[in-house]
Amino acid sequence: MYCCTECFSVEEIKEFIKDNNEVGDCDYCGSKSVIVADASDVGQFIMDGVDRAYEDPANQVGYCSAEGGYNIKPDDLYEIIVCTEEIFSDKIDDPTKFIDESVPDEIMHYVQRDPYGPPRGDSNTIYHWEKFCKTVKTNRRYTAFSSEVEPDYDFFQPSKFMKSLVSTLANTNFNFLEQGTKIYRARIIKHDKEYKHEDLTSPPPRIASNNRMSPTGISLFNGALEPETCINELRPSVGEDVVVGEFEANETLTVLDFSIKTQEAISIFSEDYSYNYERWISFIRDFVADISRPIRPMDQEIDYVPTQAFTEFIRLWDFKELMYHTENKPFYINGIQFNSSLRDGGKNVVLFRGPEISLPSICTGSLVPQKKIDPWLSFKGSRTYEVTKVVVKAEEK
C-alpha cells in the first residue's frame, strides 16, 4: 500500500515521502502519478513523532477504578493524530483505514509527556510566572523556595515551578564562554577620573546597586561580549566619554543562554523537536523580553524581585543531576547571557561573582602555567570612547 504527499497537511511528513523519490498512484486519496512512499514506513515515521510528545498514561498517571479510570483523561491514537496534530489533508475523508493499516499502535491510550506539567507551547506557563512574581513581591520572599511551606500536590508552587523551569532551561539553553573570551564592562567618566581595574570590575558589595539581576548589596559582574553593547547599555548622552574595560576569561565559563533565538513551535514530526523545550517556549519568549528590558526611571525596586530571585536560584543551585557532561560531579552555572534590547545583535553577560571575579592586568603577559587561577577573569586594560551620536528607535505599541 502506498500513500502520497497529497494525503497530509504536515510539512515534515510530506518531506519524508518526497525523500522516497518514487512516483506512483496513491491507495488512500486516489491521486495519480504523484510522489509516493510505502504506507507502513510513513506510519512508523508518524508514530516516532507521537512518541516524542506522548506516552502511556500507566507510566505516570494515577488510576482509580472506583472513579472510572485514570486521573487524567487519556486520548487514543486517532484523537491525537487526527484531532490534536491534524496531520491529514482534506483529500482524506476518513483516515481510519490508513491508521488501522499503517500506524503501529502498541498501546491503547496516550497522555502528553510529563502529564502534570503545562501543555507544550501553551501560555499557561506565563500565568505561572505571573503567579510566581506576585508571590515573591507581595506574599513571601525569603522563604519562596522552601518546599516545607508548600503543599506537596501543588506542582506550581514557587520551588517546584522554578526547579521544573530551570532544569528545562539548563538542558536546552546553555552555552560555553571558552577560555580567552573577551568580556567588556563600561562606565561613564565623571570629573576626569582615572578608571582602574577596581573601578571597572564588579563593584564592592557596599556600593552594588539594585538592578534586574541582583538586589542592593549583592555584587555581580554585568558586562557584554562587545564594547559597543556596553556603551549602549549605559545610555550615555552626546558629548560624554565612556571608559570600557576589557576582561578575558581565565577558564571556560558555562552560562544559561537566553540569547538563543526563541523560534516558533517545532512540529513533533521533526527530529529537532524537544518536548521539554517546546512546553516552555511561550514562557521563554516573554521571560527573555522581561530580563532584556532596560532599567527605567519609573521602575520600583520591587519590580526586580522576580528576576532577582530567578538569578539567585540559578546562582546557588547544583546542576550535577541535570547536565549530562558533569559525570555526577558538582556543577554550577557561572552566569546568564541574553540579547541587548539597546543594540541589535549585542549580547549581555551577567557573571555570578563580585570583585573577586577578576585579576588586575599582569604586565609579564601570560598567567602562571599549570596553576589553577581562582578568579574567572583577568583585566586586560581599558579604552576611552567619546559619544558623538545617540540613535533613538521608537516602536508603536
Protein backbone atom coordinates (compact mmCIF):
# COMPACT_ATOMS: atom_id res chain seq x y z
CA MET A 1 0.00 0.00 0.00
CA TYR A 2 1.21 3.48 -0.92
CA CYS A 3 0.37 6.96 0.35
CA CYS A 4 1.38 10.32 -1.12
CA THR A 5 2.17 13.90 -0.17
CA GLU A 6 -1.41 14.90 -1.01
CA CYS A 7 -2.69 12.84 1.92
CA PHE A 8 -1.08 15.01 4.60
CA SER A 9 -1.01 18.61 5.80
CA VAL A 10 2.18 18.40 7.91
CA GLU A 11 5.29 19.54 6.04
CA GLU A 12 7.65 17.12 7.80
CA ILE A 13 5.55 14.12 6.74
CA LYS A 14 5.40 15.43 3.18
CA GLU A 15 9.19 15.82 3.11
CA PHE A 16 9.63 12.27 4.38
CA ILE A 17 7.53 10.99 1.47
CA LYS A 18 9.37 13.21 -1.04
CA ASP A 19 12.69 11.77 0.08
CA ASN A 20 11.44 8.40 -1.20
CA ASN A 21 11.55 9.90 -4.71
CA GLU A 22 9.15 7.33 -6.17
CA VAL A 23 6.24 8.15 -8.47
CA GLY A 24 3.06 6.10 -8.38
CA ASP A 25 -0.65 6.05 -7.56
CA CYS A 26 -1.90 6.68 -4.02
CA ASP A 27 -4.04 3.94 -2.43
CA TYR A 28 -5.66 6.34 0.05
CA CYS A 29 -6.55 9.66 -1.61
CA GLY A 30 -6.63 8.32 -5.19
CA SER A 31 -4.06 10.75 -6.63
CA LYS A 32 -2.37 9.53 -9.81
CA SER A 33 1.30 9.80 -10.84
CA VAL A 34 2.41 11.52 -7.62
CA ILE A 35 5.35 11.02 -5.26
CA VAL A 36 4.50 8.08 -3.02
CA ALA A 37 6.05 6.05 -0.22
CA ASP A 38 5.30 2.75 1.46
CA ALA A 39 2.44 3.48 3.87
CA SER A 40 3.95 1.37 6.64
CA ASP A 41 7.18 3.43 6.51
CA VAL A 42 5.16 6.63 6.74
CA GLY A 43 3.11 5.16 9.57
CA GLN A 44 6.27 4.41 11.54
CA PHE A 45 7.53 7.95 10.89
CA ILE A 46 4.24 9.31 12.28
CA MET A 47 4.47 7.05 15.30
CA ASP A 48 8.02 8.23 16.00
CA GLY A 49 6.62 11.76 16.19
CA VAL A 50 3.80 10.73 18.52
CA ASP A 51 6.31 9.07 20.84
CA ARG A 52 8.24 12.36 21.13
CA ALA A 53 5.31 14.14 22.75
CA TYR A 54 3.02 11.46 24.21
CA GLU A 55 3.35 8.43 26.44
CA ASP A 56 1.44 5.59 28.07
CA PRO A 57 -0.62 7.03 30.99
CA ALA A 58 0.34 3.96 33.02
CA ASN A 59 3.86 5.44 33.33
CA GLN A 60 2.89 8.48 35.40
CA VAL A 61 -0.88 8.92 35.78
CA GLY A 62 -2.74 7.59 38.79
CA TYR A 63 -5.53 5.09 38.23
CA CYS A 64 -8.65 4.61 40.33
CA SER A 65 -11.22 2.06 39.19
CA ALA A 66 -13.80 3.43 41.63
CA GLU A 67 -13.53 6.86 39.98
CA GLY A 68 -13.76 5.47 36.49
CA GLY A 69 -10.13 5.11 35.40
CA TYR A 70 -7.11 7.39 35.01
CA ASN A 71 -6.93 10.67 36.94
CA ILE A 72 -6.15 12.45 33.66
CA LYS A 73 -8.35 11.62 30.68
CA PRO A 74 -6.20 9.89 28.04
CA ASP A 75 -6.64 10.05 24.26
CA ASP A 76 -6.48 7.27 21.71
CA LEU A 77 -4.20 7.40 18.67
CA TYR A 78 -6.99 8.58 16.37
CA GLU A 79 -7.73 11.60 18.57
CA ILE A 80 -4.05 12.54 18.71
CA ILE A 81 -3.08 12.42 15.05
CA VAL A 82 -6.44 13.44 13.58
CA CYS A 83 -7.85 15.94 16.08
CA THR A 84 -4.85 17.27 18.02
CA GLU A 85 -2.00 17.13 15.50
CA GLU A 86 -4.29 17.39 12.43
CA ILE A 87 -1.90 15.60 10.11
CA PHE A 88 -4.31 14.70 7.29
CA SER A 89 -5.30 16.87 4.35
CA ASP A 90 -8.83 17.44 3.09
CA LYS A 91 -8.28 14.77 0.46
CA ILE A 92 -8.62 12.08 3.13
CA ASP A 93 -12.29 11.85 4.07
CA ASP A 94 -11.83 9.02 6.56
CA PRO A 95 -8.27 8.43 7.87
CA THR A 96 -9.33 5.32 9.82
CA LYS A 97 -8.21 2.98 7.03
CA PHE A 98 -4.70 4.46 6.90
CA ILE A 99 -4.36 4.44 10.71
CA ASP A 100 -5.54 0.86 11.09
CA GLU A 101 -3.35 -0.47 8.29
CA SER A 102 -0.17 1.58 8.60
CA VAL A 103 0.38 3.21 12.00
CA PRO A 104 1.75 0.80 14.62
CA ASP A 105 -0.25 1.27 17.82
CA GLU A 106 1.23 -0.68 20.72
CA ILE A 107 -0.82 0.92 23.49
CA MET A 108 -4.48 1.90 23.67
CA HIS A 109 -4.24 5.28 25.39
CA TYR A 110 -1.90 8.27 25.44
CA VAL A 111 -1.26 11.38 27.52
CA GLN A 112 1.26 14.18 26.94
CA ARG A 113 4.71 13.57 28.34
CA ASP A 114 5.05 14.93 31.87
CA PRO A 115 1.23 14.94 32.10
CA TYR A 116 1.08 17.15 35.20
CA GLY A 117 3.22 19.87 33.63
CA PRO A 118 1.98 22.64 31.33
CA PRO A 119 0.77 21.80 27.81
CA ARG A 120 3.54 22.20 25.26
CA GLY A 121 3.81 25.69 23.78
CA ASP A 122 0.94 26.85 25.96
CA SER A 123 0.62 30.28 27.55
CA ASN A 124 -0.25 28.69 30.90
CA THR A 125 3.44 28.88 31.80
CA ILE A 126 3.22 32.66 31.57
CA TYR A 127 0.38 32.56 34.06
CA HIS A 128 2.54 30.52 36.43
CA TRP A 129 5.41 33.02 36.08
CA GLU A 130 2.98 35.84 36.89
CA LYS A 131 1.80 33.86 39.91
CA PHE A 132 5.41 33.41 40.99
CA CYS A 133 6.07 37.16 40.55
CA LYS A 134 3.08 38.03 42.70
CA THR A 135 4.16 35.56 45.40
CA VAL A 136 7.71 36.90 45.79
CA LYS A 137 6.60 40.52 45.54
CA THR A 138 3.68 40.55 47.94
CA ASN A 139 3.46 37.29 49.89
CA ARG A 140 6.75 35.66 50.80
CA ARG A 141 10.17 36.46 49.50
CA TYR A 142 12.86 34.90 51.65
CA THR A 143 11.05 31.57 52.02
CA ALA A 144 9.78 31.42 48.43
CA PHE A 145 11.90 28.36 47.62
CA SER A 146 11.28 26.49 50.84
CA SER A 147 9.40 23.31 49.97
CA GLU A 148 8.47 22.89 53.63
CA VAL A 149 5.86 25.66 53.37
CA GLU A 150 4.34 24.36 50.13
CA PRO A 151 1.62 21.73 49.68
CA ASP A 152 3.03 18.62 48.03
CA TYR A 153 0.26 18.41 45.48
CA ASP A 154 0.73 21.91 44.01
CA PHE A 155 3.27 21.50 41.21
CA PHE A 156 3.41 25.22 40.51
CA GLN A 157 4.29 26.47 43.95
CA PRO A 158 7.48 28.62 43.63
CA SER A 159 10.14 25.99 44.39
CA LYS A 160 8.54 23.28 42.23
CA PHE A 161 7.85 25.71 39.39
CA MET A 162 11.40 27.07 39.46
CA LYS A 163 13.03 23.63 39.58
CA SER A 164 10.99 22.48 36.61
CA LEU A 165 11.71 25.66 34.66
CA VAL A 166 15.44 25.82 35.40
CA SER A 167 16.03 22.10 34.79
CA THR A 168 14.47 22.51 31.35
CA LEU A 169 16.43 25.63 30.50
CA ALA A 170 19.72 24.21 31.80
CA ASN A 171 19.46 21.22 29.46
CA THR A 172 18.41 23.20 26.39
CA ASN A 173 19.75 26.76 26.71
CA PHE A 174 23.33 26.63 27.98
CA ASN A 175 26.44 27.87 26.26
CA PHE A 176 30.19 27.93 26.92
CA LEU A 177 32.31 31.08 27.00
CA GLU A 178 35.65 29.50 26.17
CA GLN A 179 38.90 30.41 27.88
CA GLY A 180 40.21 33.58 26.24
CA THR A 181 36.74 35.01 25.51
CA LYS A 182 36.71 38.80 25.75
CA ILE A 183 34.07 40.34 28.02
CA TYR A 184 33.61 44.09 28.44
CA ARG A 185 32.33 46.37 31.18
CA ALA A 186 31.83 50.14 30.85
CA ARG A 187 31.43 53.26 32.98
CA ILE A 188 30.57 56.87 32.09
CA ILE A 189 33.58 59.02 33.01
CA LYS A 190 32.90 61.59 35.70
CA HIS A 191 35.13 64.54 36.68
CA ASP A 192 38.10 63.34 34.61
CA LYS A 193 38.61 60.43 36.97
CA GLU A 194 41.22 57.83 36.05
CA TYR A 195 39.47 54.43 35.98
CA LYS A 196 41.50 51.44 37.08
CA HIS A 197 40.79 47.72 37.39
CA GLU A 198 38.87 48.07 40.67
CA ASP A 199 36.61 50.71 39.09
CA LEU A 200 35.69 48.53 36.11
CA THR A 201 35.24 45.07 37.62
CA SER A 202 32.28 44.02 39.79
CA PRO A 203 31.59 46.72 42.39
CA PRO A 204 32.20 46.17 46.11
CA PRO A 205 29.01 44.95 47.84
CA ARG A 206 28.68 48.21 49.78
CA ILE A 207 28.02 50.14 46.55
CA ALA A 208 26.33 47.40 44.48
CA SER A 209 23.02 48.91 43.36
CA ASN A 210 19.64 47.35 42.71
CA ASN A 211 19.10 46.00 39.17
CA ARG A 212 17.15 43.34 37.30
CA MET A 213 19.52 40.55 38.26
CA SER A 214 20.64 41.37 41.80
CA PRO A 215 19.42 43.43 44.76
CA THR A 216 21.32 46.16 46.58
CA GLY A 217 24.41 44.74 48.28
CA ILE A 218 24.76 41.65 46.04
CA SER A 219 27.65 42.25 43.63
CA LEU A 220 27.61 40.60 40.19
CA PHE A 221 29.60 41.28 37.01
CA ASN A 222 27.34 42.97 34.45
CA GLY A 223 29.11 43.09 31.10
CA ALA A 224 28.78 42.35 27.41
CA LEU A 225 30.57 40.48 24.64
CA GLU A 226 31.09 43.66 22.60
CA PRO A 227 32.34 47.09 23.75
CA GLU A 228 29.62 48.83 21.70
CA THR A 229 26.93 46.92 23.59
CA CYS A 230 28.37 48.05 26.93
CA ILE A 231 28.27 51.66 25.79
CA ASN A 232 24.69 51.41 24.55
CA GLU A 233 23.53 49.79 27.80
CA LEU A 234 24.72 52.88 29.72
CA ARG A 235 22.53 55.12 27.54
CA PRO A 236 25.09 57.98 27.56
CA SER A 237 24.41 61.48 26.23
CA VAL A 238 26.19 63.11 23.30
CA GLY A 239 29.48 64.61 24.48
CA GLU A 240 30.02 62.18 27.35
CA ASP A 241 33.09 59.97 27.49
CA VAL A 242 32.82 56.27 28.31
CA VAL A 243 35.64 54.04 29.53
CA VAL A 244 35.38 50.37 28.55
CA GLY A 245 37.34 47.75 30.44
CA GLU A 246 38.42 44.60 28.61
CA PHE A 247 38.44 41.32 30.52
CA GLU A 248 39.46 37.85 29.40
CA ALA A 249 38.10 34.53 30.64
CA ASN A 250 40.75 32.52 32.52
CA GLU A 251 38.71 29.34 32.12
CA THR A 252 35.66 28.08 30.28
CA LEU A 253 32.53 29.60 31.81
CA THR A 254 29.10 28.00 31.49
CA VAL A 255 26.19 30.39 31.02
CA LEU A 256 22.47 29.92 30.78
CA ASP A 257 21.98 31.33 27.30
CA PHE A 258 18.84 33.34 26.63
CA SER A 259 20.36 34.89 23.51
CA ILE A 260 19.41 31.77 21.55
CA LYS A 261 16.63 32.80 19.21
CA THR A 262 13.31 31.53 20.52
CA GLN A 263 11.88 30.04 17.38
CA GLU A 264 8.28 29.21 16.68
CA ALA A 265 6.95 25.89 17.93
CA ILE A 266 8.53 22.87 16.21
CA SER A 267 6.43 20.00 14.91
CA ILE A 268 6.61 16.72 16.81
CA PHE A 269 7.45 15.12 13.47
CA SER A 270 10.77 16.99 13.28
CA GLU A 271 13.96 15.37 14.58
CA ASP A 272 14.78 18.75 16.17
CA TYR A 273 11.71 18.56 18.38
CA SER A 274 12.39 18.69 22.11
CA TYR A 275 9.37 18.20 24.33
CA ASN A 276 10.89 19.89 27.36
CA TYR A 277 11.80 22.97 25.34
CA GLU A 278 8.51 23.15 23.45
CA ARG A 279 6.34 23.15 26.53
CA TRP A 280 8.15 26.26 27.83
CA ILE A 281 8.59 28.15 24.54
CA SER A 282 5.87 30.76 25.06
CA PHE A 283 7.13 31.43 28.57
CA ILE A 284 10.78 31.70 27.49
CA ARG A 285 9.89 34.27 24.82
CA ASP A 286 8.16 36.55 27.34
CA PHE A 287 10.70 35.98 30.11
CA VAL A 288 13.65 36.84 27.85
CA ALA A 289 11.91 40.07 26.87
CA ASP A 290 11.49 40.89 30.56
CA ILE A 291 15.12 40.37 31.60
CA SER A 292 16.40 42.21 28.50
CA ARG A 293 14.26 45.29 29.12
CA PRO A 294 16.41 48.28 30.18
CA ILE A 295 16.01 49.74 33.64
CA ARG A 296 13.63 52.70 33.57
CA PRO A 297 13.47 55.71 35.94
CA MET A 298 9.87 54.89 36.88
CA ASP A 299 10.69 51.31 37.92
CA GLN A 300 10.34 50.45 41.60
CA GLU A 301 12.75 48.13 43.41
CA ILE A 302 10.01 45.58 43.94
CA ASP A 303 9.65 45.20 40.15
CA TYR A 304 13.04 43.47 40.01
CA VAL A 305 12.37 40.92 42.77
CA PRO A 306 11.17 38.05 40.49
CA THR A 307 14.17 38.16 38.13
CA GLN A 308 16.50 38.63 41.11
CA ALA A 309 15.01 35.53 42.74
CA PHE A 310 15.36 33.60 39.47
CA THR A 311 19.02 34.65 39.18
CA GLU A 312 19.79 33.67 42.77
CA PHE A 313 18.15 30.27 42.26
CA ILE A 314 20.41 29.60 39.27
CA ARG A 315 23.49 31.02 41.00
CA LEU A 316 23.23 28.71 44.01
CA TRP A 317 21.72 25.52 42.60
CA ASP A 318 23.91 22.46 41.92
CA PHE A 319 23.12 21.22 38.39
CA LYS A 320 25.06 17.94 38.57
CA GLU A 321 21.89 15.83 38.20
CA LEU A 322 20.85 17.70 35.07
CA MET A 323 23.91 18.31 32.96
CA TYR A 324 24.89 15.19 31.06
CA HIS A 325 28.59 16.10 30.83
CA THR A 326 29.32 16.52 34.55
CA GLU A 327 29.84 12.81 35.38
CA ASN A 328 27.88 13.36 38.61
CA LYS A 329 30.36 15.97 39.84
CA PRO A 330 29.25 19.29 41.35
CA PHE A 331 28.34 21.61 38.51
CA TYR A 332 27.23 25.22 38.66
CA ILE A 333 26.15 27.81 36.14
CA ASN A 334 28.59 30.75 36.07
CA GLY A 335 26.17 33.31 34.65
CA ILE A 336 23.45 34.31 32.22
CA GLN A 337 23.75 35.54 28.64
CA PHE A 338 20.94 37.43 26.92
CA ASN A 339 20.29 39.78 24.00
CA SER A 340 20.69 43.51 24.44
CA SER A 341 17.48 45.48 23.94
CA LEU A 342 19.52 48.63 23.18
CA ARG A 343 21.81 47.29 20.44
CA ASP A 344 20.77 44.89 17.70
CA GLY A 345 22.88 41.75 17.84
CA GLY A 346 24.50 42.71 21.15
CA LYS A 347 24.99 40.09 23.87
CA ASN A 348 24.85 40.95 27.56
CA VAL A 349 26.50 38.73 30.17
CA VAL A 350 25.91 38.61 33.92
CA LEU A 351 28.51 36.57 35.83
CA PHE A 352 27.80 35.43 39.38
CA ARG A 353 30.74 36.86 41.32
CA GLY A 354 31.71 40.13 42.98
CA PRO A 355 35.07 41.97 42.90
CA GLU A 356 36.97 38.70 43.39
CA ILE A 357 35.90 37.67 39.86
CA SER A 358 38.94 39.26 38.18
CA LEU A 359 42.67 39.76 38.44
CA PRO A 360 44.34 43.10 37.66
CA SER A 361 46.39 43.21 34.48
CA ILE A 362 49.62 41.18 34.51
CA CYS A 363 52.49 43.05 32.87
CA THR A 364 54.58 39.94 32.23
CA GLY A 365 51.99 38.51 29.85
CA SER A 366 50.59 35.01 30.34
CA LEU A 367 49.22 33.66 33.59
CA VAL A 368 51.25 31.25 35.72
CA PRO A 369 51.17 27.93 33.79
CA GLN A 370 49.69 24.73 35.22
CA LYS A 371 48.21 26.56 38.18
CA LYS A 372 44.51 26.91 38.68
CA ILE A 373 43.57 30.57 38.82
CA ASP A 374 40.59 31.14 41.08
CA PRO A 375 39.42 34.43 39.52
CA TRP A 376 37.35 33.78 36.43
CA LEU A 377 38.60 36.85 34.54
CA SER A 378 41.76 38.86 34.01
CA PHE A 379 41.70 42.61 33.38
CA LYS A 380 43.48 43.46 30.12
CA GLY A 381 43.20 47.24 30.11
CA SER A 382 40.72 49.91 29.04
CA ARG A 383 39.89 52.30 26.22
CA THR A 384 38.01 55.60 26.26
CA TYR A 385 35.23 56.37 23.79
CA GLU A 386 33.58 59.72 23.04
CA VAL A 387 29.84 59.63 22.40
CA THR A 388 29.16 61.63 19.23
CA LYS A 389 25.72 60.35 18.27
CA VAL A 390 22.73 58.83 20.01
CA VAL A 391 20.27 56.84 17.88
CA VAL A 392 16.69 56.62 19.13
CA LYS A 393 14.46 53.85 17.85
CA ALA A 394 10.76 54.19 18.65
CA GLU A 395 8.19 51.44 18.20
CA GLU A 396 4.46 51.99 18.14
CA LYS A 397 2.50 49.99 20.72
